Amino acid sequence: MKEELFEQLDFTVNQQYEQIIDDLLEKQYSIVDDFFDPLEILKLRSSLLHKYEEDKFKKSAIGNRTNELIEKAIRGDFILWMNEAEAGETEKIFFHKINNLIEYLNRTCFMGILHKEFHYAVYPKGTFYKRHLDTFQNDSRRKLSIVSYLNDENWLKTNGGELVIYKEDGSEEVIYPLPGRV
């Protein structure tokens, strides 16, 4: 039935995106391996490292524009905001794939995602981001958070960098930062 309706709307079902939707409905998060292919990861990682070496990153902060604070005991990464309007060829790869996903979610789930912001992040050895809610008390506009891993294929569990999802039932899910995973 769903496929017939989509055919009438000149719409193609994307199985990867449908799995993301099913996951979001079932468990409020989704893990997708190989969202970005190895060449895309290599290009994005190279761009990130080049910009980091050029000292374009800044120390990350907690809070938002109304109460931003640099707190090393909570968050130790360095970030560089990505501006889609000024994106180079490499960053356009990222935005193209993410925009396709957002368009699909808006069209199929009526999510109304109209604004988006992304940043590169580098976590030097020994740094972390402590447990937190990925939303602000004074700003409820965030609908989704997306983490894209740009680690190389030599990443090991001993390198760290895992994301931990703390579930409402008290259990945890550890997400390993495999290249291409979102």
N, C-alpha and C. Protein backbone atom coordinates (compact mmCIF):
# COMPACT_ATOMS: atom_id res chain seq x y z
N MET A 1 0.83 -1.20 0.00
CA MET A 1 0.00 0.00 0.00
C MET A 1 0.87 1.26 0.00
N LYS A 2 1.88 1.30 0.89
CA LYS A 2 2.75 2.47 0.98
C LYS A 2 3.48 2.70 -0.35
N GLU A 3 3.99 1.62 -0.96
CA GLU A 3 4.72 1.75 -2.22
C GLU A 3 3.81 2.28 -3.33
N GLU A 4 2.54 1.83 -3.36
CA GLU A 4 1.60 2.31 -4.37
C GLU A 4 1.35 3.80 -4.22
N LEU A 5 1.20 4.25 -2.99
CA LEU A 5 1.01 5.68 -2.74
C LEU A 5 2.23 6.47 -3.19
N PHE A 6 3.43 5.98 -2.86
CA PHE A 6 4.65 6.66 -3.25
C PHE A 6 4.79 6.74 -4.77
N GLU A 7 4.38 5.69 -5.48
CA GLU A 7 4.43 5.71 -6.94
C GLU A 7 3.55 6.83 -7.49
N GLN A 8 2.40 7.03 -6.89
CA GLN A 8 1.49 8.09 -7.33
C GLN A 8 2.10 9.47 -7.06
N LEU A 9 2.92 9.56 -6.05
CA LEU A 9 3.55 10.84 -5.69
C LEU A 9 4.90 11.05 -6.37
N ASP A 10 5.28 10.15 -7.29
CA ASP A 10 6.59 10.20 -7.94
C ASP A 10 7.68 10.22 -6.87
N PHE A 11 7.62 9.23 -6.01
CA PHE A 11 8.51 9.15 -4.85
C PHE A 11 9.11 7.75 -4.78
N THR A 12 10.40 7.68 -4.55
CA THR A 12 11.08 6.39 -4.45
C THR A 12 11.39 6.09 -2.99
N VAL A 13 11.01 4.90 -2.55
CA VAL A 13 11.29 4.48 -1.19
C VAL A 13 12.79 4.22 -1.05
N ASN A 14 13.39 4.76 0.00
CA ASN A 14 14.80 4.53 0.31
C ASN A 14 14.84 3.60 1.52
N GLN A 15 15.29 2.37 1.31
CA GLN A 15 15.26 1.37 2.38
C GLN A 15 16.13 1.77 3.58
N GLN A 16 17.26 2.40 3.32
CA GLN A 16 18.11 2.83 4.43
C GLN A 16 17.39 3.88 5.28
N TYR A 17 16.75 4.83 4.62
CA TYR A 17 16.02 5.87 5.35
C TYR A 17 14.81 5.27 6.06
N GLU A 18 14.16 4.32 5.44
CA GLU A 18 13.02 3.66 6.09
C GLU A 18 13.46 2.93 7.35
N GLN A 19 14.66 2.33 7.32
CA GLN A 19 15.17 1.66 8.51
C GLN A 19 15.45 2.69 9.61
N ILE A 20 15.98 3.84 9.23
CA ILE A 20 16.21 4.92 10.20
C ILE A 20 14.89 5.32 10.84
N ILE A 21 13.86 5.50 10.03
CA ILE A 21 12.55 5.89 10.55
C ILE A 21 12.02 4.82 11.50
N ASP A 22 12.09 3.56 11.08
CA ASP A 22 11.63 2.46 11.95
C ASP A 22 12.38 2.47 13.28
N ASP A 23 13.70 2.66 13.22
CA ASP A 23 14.51 2.70 14.44
C ASP A 23 14.10 3.87 15.33
N LEU A 24 13.90 5.05 14.73
CA LEU A 24 13.51 6.22 15.52
C LEU A 24 12.17 5.99 16.21
N LEU A 25 11.24 5.37 15.51
CA LEU A 25 9.94 5.08 16.11
C LEU A 25 10.05 4.04 17.22
N GLU A 26 10.88 3.04 17.01
CA GLU A 26 10.99 1.94 17.97
C GLU A 26 11.83 2.29 19.19
N LYS A 27 13.00 2.92 18.96
CA LYS A 27 13.92 3.13 20.07
C LYS A 27 14.46 4.55 20.20
N GLN A 28 14.00 5.46 19.37
CA GLN A 28 14.34 6.88 19.41
C GLN A 28 15.78 7.20 18.97
N TYR A 29 16.45 6.24 18.37
CA TYR A 29 17.75 6.48 17.76
C TYR A 29 17.98 5.43 16.69
N SER A 30 18.95 5.68 15.84
CA SER A 30 19.27 4.74 14.77
C SER A 30 20.78 4.72 14.58
N ILE A 31 21.30 3.56 14.28
CA ILE A 31 22.73 3.40 13.99
C ILE A 31 22.83 2.88 12.56
N VAL A 32 23.51 3.62 11.71
CA VAL A 32 23.63 3.24 10.31
C VAL A 32 25.11 3.12 9.96
N ASP A 33 25.52 1.92 9.60
CA ASP A 33 26.90 1.72 9.15
C ASP A 33 27.00 2.05 7.67
N ASP A 34 28.16 2.55 7.28
CA ASP A 34 28.46 2.85 5.87
C ASP A 34 27.52 3.88 5.26
N PHE A 35 27.03 4.82 6.07
CA PHE A 35 26.24 5.93 5.52
C PHE A 35 27.11 6.71 4.55
N PHE A 36 28.37 6.88 4.93
CA PHE A 36 29.37 7.48 4.04
C PHE A 36 30.32 6.37 3.63
N ASP A 37 30.69 6.34 2.36
CA ASP A 37 31.58 5.28 1.88
C ASP A 37 33.04 5.63 2.22
N PRO A 38 33.96 4.67 2.08
CA PRO A 38 35.36 4.90 2.47
C PRO A 38 36.02 6.11 1.79
N LEU A 39 35.74 6.35 0.52
CA LEU A 39 36.33 7.50 -0.16
C LEU A 39 35.77 8.81 0.40
N GLU A 40 34.48 8.85 0.66
CA GLU A 40 33.87 10.06 1.26
C GLU A 40 34.47 10.32 2.64
N ILE A 41 34.64 9.27 3.42
CA ILE A 41 35.23 9.41 4.75
C ILE A 41 36.66 9.94 4.64
N LEU A 42 37.42 9.39 3.72
CA LEU A 42 38.80 9.84 3.53
C LEU A 42 38.84 11.33 3.19
N LYS A 43 37.98 11.76 2.28
CA LYS A 43 37.95 13.17 1.89
C LYS A 43 37.52 14.07 3.05
N LEU A 44 36.46 13.68 3.76
CA LEU A 44 35.97 14.49 4.88
C LEU A 44 37.00 14.53 6.01
N ARG A 45 37.60 13.39 6.30
CA ARG A 45 38.62 13.33 7.36
C ARG A 45 39.82 14.19 6.99
N SER A 46 40.26 14.12 5.74
CA SER A 46 41.40 14.94 5.29
C SER A 46 41.08 16.42 5.40
N SER A 47 39.87 16.80 5.03
CA SER A 47 39.46 18.20 5.13
C SER A 47 39.45 18.64 6.59
N LEU A 48 38.89 17.81 7.46
CA LEU A 48 38.84 18.12 8.89
C LEU A 48 40.25 18.31 9.43
N LEU A 49 41.13 17.36 9.17
CA LEU A 49 42.49 17.44 9.71
C LEU A 49 43.26 18.63 9.16
N HIS A 50 43.05 18.95 7.88
CA HIS A 50 43.70 20.11 7.27
C HIS A 50 43.24 21.40 7.97
N LYS A 51 41.96 21.53 8.18
CA LYS A 51 41.43 22.72 8.85
C LYS A 51 41.90 22.79 10.31
N TYR A 52 41.99 21.63 10.95
CA TYR A 52 42.47 21.58 12.34
C TYR A 52 43.93 22.02 12.41
N GLU A 53 44.75 21.54 11.48
CA GLU A 53 46.16 21.92 11.43
C GLU A 53 46.33 23.40 11.12
N GLU A 54 45.37 23.99 10.40
CA GLU A 54 45.41 25.42 10.09
C GLU A 54 44.88 26.27 11.25
N ASP A 55 44.56 25.63 12.36
CA ASP A 55 44.11 26.31 13.58
C ASP A 55 42.76 27.01 13.40
N LYS A 56 41.88 26.43 12.58
CA LYS A 56 40.57 27.03 12.34
C LYS A 56 39.53 26.60 13.38
N PHE A 57 39.85 25.61 14.20
CA PHE A 57 38.92 25.13 15.21
C PHE A 57 38.99 26.00 16.46
N LYS A 58 37.92 25.97 17.25
CA LYS A 58 37.92 26.70 18.52
C LYS A 58 37.53 25.72 19.63
N LYS A 59 37.90 26.07 20.84
CA LYS A 59 37.55 25.24 21.99
C LYS A 59 36.04 25.20 22.10
N SER A 60 35.50 24.02 22.30
CA SER A 60 34.05 23.88 22.39
C SER A 60 33.54 24.40 23.72
N ALA A 61 32.25 24.69 23.74
CA ALA A 61 31.61 25.20 24.94
C ALA A 61 30.34 24.40 25.21
N ILE A 62 29.80 24.57 26.40
CA ILE A 62 28.50 23.98 26.72
C ILE A 62 27.49 25.11 26.80
N GLY A 63 26.22 24.75 26.67
CA GLY A 63 25.17 25.76 26.66
C GLY A 63 24.90 26.22 25.24
N ASN A 64 24.17 27.30 25.12
CA ASN A 64 23.91 27.87 23.80
C ASN A 64 24.19 29.36 23.85
N ARG A 65 23.76 30.06 22.84
CA ARG A 65 24.14 31.48 22.71
C ARG A 65 23.80 32.33 23.93
N THR A 66 22.77 31.94 24.67
CA THR A 66 22.38 32.77 25.81
C THR A 66 23.18 32.45 27.07
N ASN A 67 23.83 31.29 27.11
CA ASN A 67 24.60 30.94 28.31
C ASN A 67 25.76 30.00 27.98
N GLU A 68 26.59 30.39 27.03
CA GLU A 68 27.72 29.57 26.58
C GLU A 68 28.88 29.66 27.57
N LEU A 69 29.48 28.48 27.86
CA LEU A 69 30.56 28.43 28.83
C LEU A 69 31.56 27.34 28.43
N ILE A 70 32.84 27.67 28.44
CA ILE A 70 33.87 26.66 28.19
C ILE A 70 34.15 25.97 29.51
N GLU A 71 33.93 24.66 29.53
CA GLU A 71 34.07 23.87 30.75
C GLU A 71 34.82 22.58 30.44
N LYS A 72 36.14 22.59 30.65
CA LYS A 72 36.99 21.44 30.30
C LYS A 72 36.61 20.17 31.05
N ALA A 73 36.04 20.30 32.24
CA ALA A 73 35.66 19.12 33.02
C ALA A 73 34.45 18.42 32.43
N ILE A 74 33.75 19.07 31.50
CA ILE A 74 32.55 18.49 30.88
C ILE A 74 32.81 18.12 29.43
N ARG A 75 33.54 18.99 28.73
CA ARG A 75 33.71 18.80 27.29
C ARG A 75 35.10 19.26 26.88
N GLY A 76 35.84 18.40 26.15
CA GLY A 76 37.21 18.73 25.82
C GLY A 76 37.54 18.82 24.34
N ASP A 77 36.52 18.81 23.50
CA ASP A 77 36.79 18.81 22.06
C ASP A 77 36.99 20.21 21.51
N PHE A 78 37.42 20.24 20.25
CA PHE A 78 37.56 21.48 19.49
C PHE A 78 36.61 21.36 18.30
N ILE A 79 35.95 22.45 17.94
CA ILE A 79 34.94 22.39 16.88
C ILE A 79 35.16 23.46 15.82
N LEU A 80 34.61 23.18 14.65
CA LEU A 80 34.57 24.14 13.55
C LEU A 80 33.19 24.02 12.92
N TRP A 81 32.41 25.09 13.00
CA TRP A 81 31.07 25.09 12.42
C TRP A 81 31.16 24.98 10.90
N MET A 82 30.29 24.20 10.33
CA MET A 82 30.25 23.99 8.88
C MET A 82 29.16 24.89 8.30
N ASN A 83 29.54 25.74 7.37
CA ASN A 83 28.59 26.65 6.73
C ASN A 83 28.27 26.10 5.34
N GLU A 84 27.04 25.65 5.16
CA GLU A 84 26.67 25.04 3.88
C GLU A 84 26.83 26.00 2.71
N ALA A 85 26.53 27.27 2.93
CA ALA A 85 26.62 28.26 1.85
C ALA A 85 28.06 28.46 1.38
N GLU A 86 29.02 28.20 2.26
CA GLU A 86 30.43 28.38 1.93
C GLU A 86 31.17 27.05 1.81
N ALA A 87 30.43 25.96 1.74
CA ALA A 87 31.05 24.62 1.73
C ALA A 87 31.90 24.40 0.49
N GLY A 88 33.06 23.81 0.71
CA GLY A 88 33.90 23.39 -0.40
C GLY A 88 33.37 22.09 -0.97
N GLU A 89 34.04 21.59 -1.99
CA GLU A 89 33.60 20.35 -2.64
C GLU A 89 33.48 19.19 -1.66
N THR A 90 34.42 19.10 -0.75
CA THR A 90 34.39 17.98 0.21
C THR A 90 33.19 18.07 1.14
N GLU A 91 32.96 19.23 1.72
CA GLU A 91 31.83 19.37 2.63
C GLU A 91 30.49 19.24 1.90
N LYS A 92 30.48 19.55 0.61
CA LYS A 92 29.25 19.37 -0.17
C LYS A 92 28.83 17.91 -0.21
N ILE A 93 29.79 16.99 -0.14
CA ILE A 93 29.48 15.55 -0.06
C ILE A 93 28.62 15.29 1.17
N PHE A 94 29.07 15.82 2.31
CA PHE A 94 28.35 15.66 3.57
C PHE A 94 26.95 16.26 3.47
N PHE A 95 26.89 17.52 3.06
CA PHE A 95 25.60 18.21 3.02
C PHE A 95 24.63 17.55 2.04
N HIS A 96 25.12 17.06 0.93
CA HIS A 96 24.26 16.40 -0.05
C HIS A 96 23.57 15.19 0.57
N LYS A 97 24.35 14.35 1.23
CA LYS A 97 23.77 13.14 1.83
C LYS A 97 22.83 13.48 2.99
N ILE A 98 23.23 14.40 3.83
CA ILE A 98 22.40 14.76 4.97
C ILE A 98 21.12 15.46 4.50
N ASN A 99 21.24 16.34 3.51
CA ASN A 99 20.05 17.03 2.99
C ASN A 99 19.06 16.05 2.37
N ASN A 100 19.57 15.01 1.69
CA ASN A 100 18.68 13.99 1.15
C ASN A 100 17.91 13.28 2.26
N LEU A 101 18.61 12.96 3.34
CA LEU A 101 17.95 12.33 4.49
C LEU A 101 16.90 13.25 5.09
N ILE A 102 17.25 14.50 5.30
CA ILE A 102 16.32 15.46 5.89
C ILE A 102 15.09 15.65 4.99
N GLU A 103 15.32 15.78 3.70
CA GLU A 103 14.20 15.92 2.76
C GLU A 103 13.27 14.70 2.85
N TYR A 104 13.85 13.53 2.94
CA TYR A 104 13.07 12.29 3.03
C TYR A 104 12.26 12.27 4.34
N LEU A 105 12.91 12.63 5.45
CA LEU A 105 12.21 12.65 6.74
C LEU A 105 11.09 13.68 6.74
N ASN A 106 11.34 14.84 6.16
CA ASN A 106 10.30 15.87 6.09
C ASN A 106 9.13 15.41 5.23
N ARG A 107 9.44 14.75 4.14
CA ARG A 107 8.39 14.33 3.21
C ARG A 107 7.58 13.14 3.73
N THR A 108 8.24 12.21 4.40
CA THR A 108 7.55 11.00 4.85
C THR A 108 7.02 11.09 6.27
N CYS A 109 7.68 11.85 7.11
CA CYS A 109 7.31 11.91 8.53
C CYS A 109 6.81 13.28 8.96
N PHE A 110 6.78 14.23 8.02
CA PHE A 110 6.33 15.59 8.32
C PHE A 110 7.08 16.17 9.52
N MET A 111 8.39 16.00 9.54
CA MET A 111 9.19 16.43 10.68
C MET A 111 9.38 17.94 10.73
N GLY A 112 9.26 18.61 9.61
CA GLY A 112 9.38 20.06 9.61
C GLY A 112 10.77 20.55 9.97
N ILE A 113 11.78 19.84 9.53
CA ILE A 113 13.16 20.28 9.80
C ILE A 113 13.48 21.38 8.79
N LEU A 114 13.53 22.60 9.28
CA LEU A 114 13.75 23.76 8.42
C LEU A 114 15.13 24.38 8.64
N HIS A 115 15.69 24.15 9.79
CA HIS A 115 17.00 24.72 10.13
C HIS A 115 17.91 23.59 10.57
N LYS A 116 19.16 23.69 10.17
CA LYS A 116 20.12 22.67 10.58
C LYS A 116 21.48 23.33 10.79
N GLU A 117 22.25 22.73 11.68
CA GLU A 117 23.61 23.20 11.90
C GLU A 117 24.49 22.01 12.22
N PHE A 118 25.71 22.07 11.71
CA PHE A 118 26.66 20.98 11.88
C PHE A 118 28.03 21.55 12.16
N HIS A 119 28.82 20.76 12.84
CA HIS A 119 30.21 21.15 13.06
C HIS A 119 31.11 19.93 13.02
N TYR A 120 32.35 20.18 12.62
CA TYR A 120 33.40 19.19 12.78
C TYR A 120 33.80 19.20 14.25
N ALA A 121 34.23 18.07 14.77
CA ALA A 121 34.75 18.01 16.14
C ALA A 121 35.99 17.14 16.16
N VAL A 122 36.99 17.59 16.90
CA VAL A 122 38.21 16.82 17.13
C VAL A 122 38.35 16.65 18.63
N TYR A 123 38.54 15.42 19.04
CA TYR A 123 38.77 15.10 20.45
C TYR A 123 40.22 14.67 20.63
N PRO A 124 41.08 15.57 21.10
CA PRO A 124 42.46 15.17 21.36
C PRO A 124 42.50 14.03 22.39
N LYS A 125 43.57 13.27 22.36
CA LYS A 125 43.72 12.13 23.26
C LYS A 125 43.45 12.56 24.70
N GLY A 126 42.64 11.78 25.40
CA GLY A 126 42.33 12.04 26.80
C GLY A 126 41.15 12.97 27.03
N THR A 127 40.56 13.50 25.96
CA THR A 127 39.40 14.39 26.13
C THR A 127 38.11 13.61 25.98
N PHE A 128 37.02 14.24 26.33
CA PHE A 128 35.73 13.56 26.38
C PHE A 128 34.61 14.59 26.37
N TYR A 129 33.40 14.10 26.33
CA TYR A 129 32.19 14.91 26.51
C TYR A 129 31.35 14.12 27.49
N LYS A 130 31.17 14.66 28.68
CA LYS A 130 30.43 13.93 29.72
C LYS A 130 28.97 13.74 29.34
N ARG A 131 28.33 12.86 30.07
CA ARG A 131 26.92 12.55 29.87
C ARG A 131 26.11 13.85 29.89
N HIS A 132 25.22 13.98 28.90
CA HIS A 132 24.40 15.19 28.80
C HIS A 132 23.16 14.90 27.95
N LEU A 133 22.20 15.79 28.03
CA LEU A 133 21.05 15.75 27.13
C LEU A 133 21.40 16.62 25.93
N ASP A 134 21.06 16.15 24.74
CA ASP A 134 21.43 16.89 23.54
C ASP A 134 20.32 17.87 23.16
N THR A 135 19.93 18.68 24.13
CA THR A 135 18.92 19.71 23.92
C THR A 135 19.14 20.77 25.00
N PHE A 136 18.57 21.93 24.81
CA PHE A 136 18.74 23.02 25.76
C PHE A 136 17.43 23.28 26.49
N GLN A 137 17.54 23.68 27.76
CA GLN A 137 16.35 23.99 28.54
C GLN A 137 15.59 25.18 27.97
N ASN A 138 16.31 26.13 27.39
CA ASN A 138 15.65 27.35 26.90
C ASN A 138 15.45 27.35 25.38
N ASP A 139 15.59 26.16 24.74
CA ASP A 139 15.43 26.09 23.29
C ASP A 139 15.07 24.66 22.91
N SER A 140 13.83 24.44 22.52
CA SER A 140 13.35 23.09 22.22
C SER A 140 13.26 22.81 20.72
N ARG A 141 13.94 23.60 19.90
CA ARG A 141 13.82 23.43 18.45
C ARG A 141 14.52 22.18 17.91
N ARG A 142 15.50 21.65 18.60
CA ARG A 142 16.26 20.50 18.08
C ARG A 142 15.35 19.28 18.00
N LYS A 143 15.28 18.70 16.81
CA LYS A 143 14.46 17.51 16.59
C LYS A 143 15.30 16.26 16.48
N LEU A 144 16.48 16.39 15.90
CA LEU A 144 17.38 15.25 15.72
C LEU A 144 18.82 15.70 15.94
N SER A 145 19.62 14.78 16.40
CA SER A 145 21.07 14.97 16.45
C SER A 145 21.69 13.88 15.60
N ILE A 146 22.68 14.25 14.82
CA ILE A 146 23.36 13.28 13.96
C ILE A 146 24.85 13.35 14.27
N VAL A 147 25.44 12.20 14.52
CA VAL A 147 26.87 12.08 14.72
C VAL A 147 27.42 11.25 13.57
N SER A 148 28.39 11.79 12.87
CA SER A 148 29.03 11.07 11.75
C SER A 148 30.49 10.83 12.12
N TYR A 149 30.91 9.58 12.07
CA TYR A 149 32.27 9.24 12.46
C TYR A 149 33.21 9.25 11.26
N LEU A 150 34.32 9.96 11.42
CA LEU A 150 35.31 10.10 10.35
C LEU A 150 36.64 9.43 10.72
N ASN A 151 36.62 8.54 11.70
CA ASN A 151 37.84 7.82 12.07
C ASN A 151 38.34 7.01 10.89
N ASP A 152 39.64 6.72 10.91
CA ASP A 152 40.17 5.87 9.83
C ASP A 152 39.91 4.40 10.15
N GLU A 153 40.22 3.55 9.20
CA GLU A 153 39.92 2.12 9.33
C GLU A 153 40.79 1.44 10.39
N ASN A 154 41.79 2.12 10.92
CA ASN A 154 42.67 1.55 11.95
C ASN A 154 42.19 1.82 13.37
N TRP A 155 40.98 2.37 13.51
CA TRP A 155 40.46 2.67 14.85
C TRP A 155 40.33 1.37 15.65
N LEU A 156 40.73 1.44 16.93
CA LEU A 156 40.62 0.30 17.85
C LEU A 156 39.80 0.72 19.06
N LYS A 157 39.17 -0.24 19.72
CA LYS A 157 38.39 0.07 20.91
C LYS A 157 39.23 0.77 21.97
N THR A 158 40.50 0.46 22.02
CA THR A 158 41.38 1.09 23.00
C THR A 158 41.61 2.57 22.71
N ASN A 159 41.26 3.03 21.50
CA ASN A 159 41.38 4.45 21.15
C ASN A 159 40.30 5.29 21.83
N GLY A 160 39.21 4.66 22.26
CA GLY A 160 38.10 5.40 22.86
C GLY A 160 37.26 6.08 21.80
N GLY A 161 36.45 7.02 22.24
CA GLY A 161 35.61 7.78 21.31
C GLY A 161 34.20 7.26 21.17
N GLU A 162 33.82 6.32 22.03
CA GLU A 162 32.47 5.76 21.94
C GLU A 162 31.43 6.78 22.38
N LEU A 163 30.26 6.65 21.80
CA LEU A 163 29.08 7.41 22.23
C LEU A 163 28.25 6.44 23.06
N VAL A 164 27.80 6.87 24.23
CA VAL A 164 26.95 6.03 25.06
C VAL A 164 25.56 6.63 25.11
N ILE A 165 24.58 5.82 24.75
CA ILE A 165 23.18 6.24 24.85
C ILE A 165 22.63 5.66 26.14
N TYR A 166 22.14 6.55 27.00
CA TYR A 166 21.55 6.14 28.27
C TYR A 166 20.05 6.04 28.08
N LYS A 167 19.53 4.84 28.16
CA LYS A 167 18.12 4.60 27.88
C LYS A 167 17.27 4.86 29.12
N GLU A 168 15.98 5.09 28.89
CA GLU A 168 15.06 5.38 29.98
C GLU A 168 14.96 4.24 30.98
N ASP A 169 15.18 3.00 30.54
CA ASP A 169 15.08 1.85 31.45
C ASP A 169 16.35 1.64 32.28
N GLY A 170 17.32 2.55 32.13
CA GLY A 170 18.56 2.45 32.89
C GLY A 170 19.68 1.71 32.18
N SER A 171 19.38 1.06 31.07
CA SER A 171 20.42 0.36 30.32
C SER A 171 21.18 1.35 29.44
N GLU A 172 22.28 0.88 28.90
CA GLU A 172 23.13 1.72 28.06
C GLU A 172 23.41 1.00 26.75
N GLU A 173 23.60 1.77 25.68
CA GLU A 173 24.08 1.21 24.42
C GLU A 173 25.33 1.98 24.03
N VAL A 174 26.41 1.24 23.83
CA VAL A 174 27.68 1.83 23.42
C VAL A 174 27.76 1.80 21.90
N ILE A 175 27.98 2.96 21.31
CA ILE A 175 28.10 3.09 19.86
C ILE A 175 29.58 3.32 19.56
N TYR A 176 30.20 2.39 18.87
CA TYR A 176 31.61 2.53 18.54
C TYR A 176 31.77 3.41 17.30
N PRO A 177 32.78 4.27 17.31
CA PRO A 177 32.96 5.25 16.22
C PRO A 177 33.63 4.65 14.98
N LEU A 178 32.90 3.79 14.31
CA LEU A 178 33.43 3.16 13.10
C LEU A 178 33.32 4.11 11.93
N PRO A 179 34.29 4.12 11.04
CA PRO A 179 34.25 5.05 9.90
C PRO A 179 32.99 4.87 9.06
N GLY A 180 32.35 5.99 8.75
CA GLY A 180 31.15 5.96 7.91
C GLY A 180 29.86 5.78 8.66
N ARG A 181 29.95 5.51 9.94
CA ARG A 181 28.76 5.26 10.76
C ARG A 181 28.12 6.59 11.17
N VAL A 182 26.80 6.63 11.12
CA VAL A 182 26.03 7.75 11.69
C VAL A 182 25.04 7.18 12.68
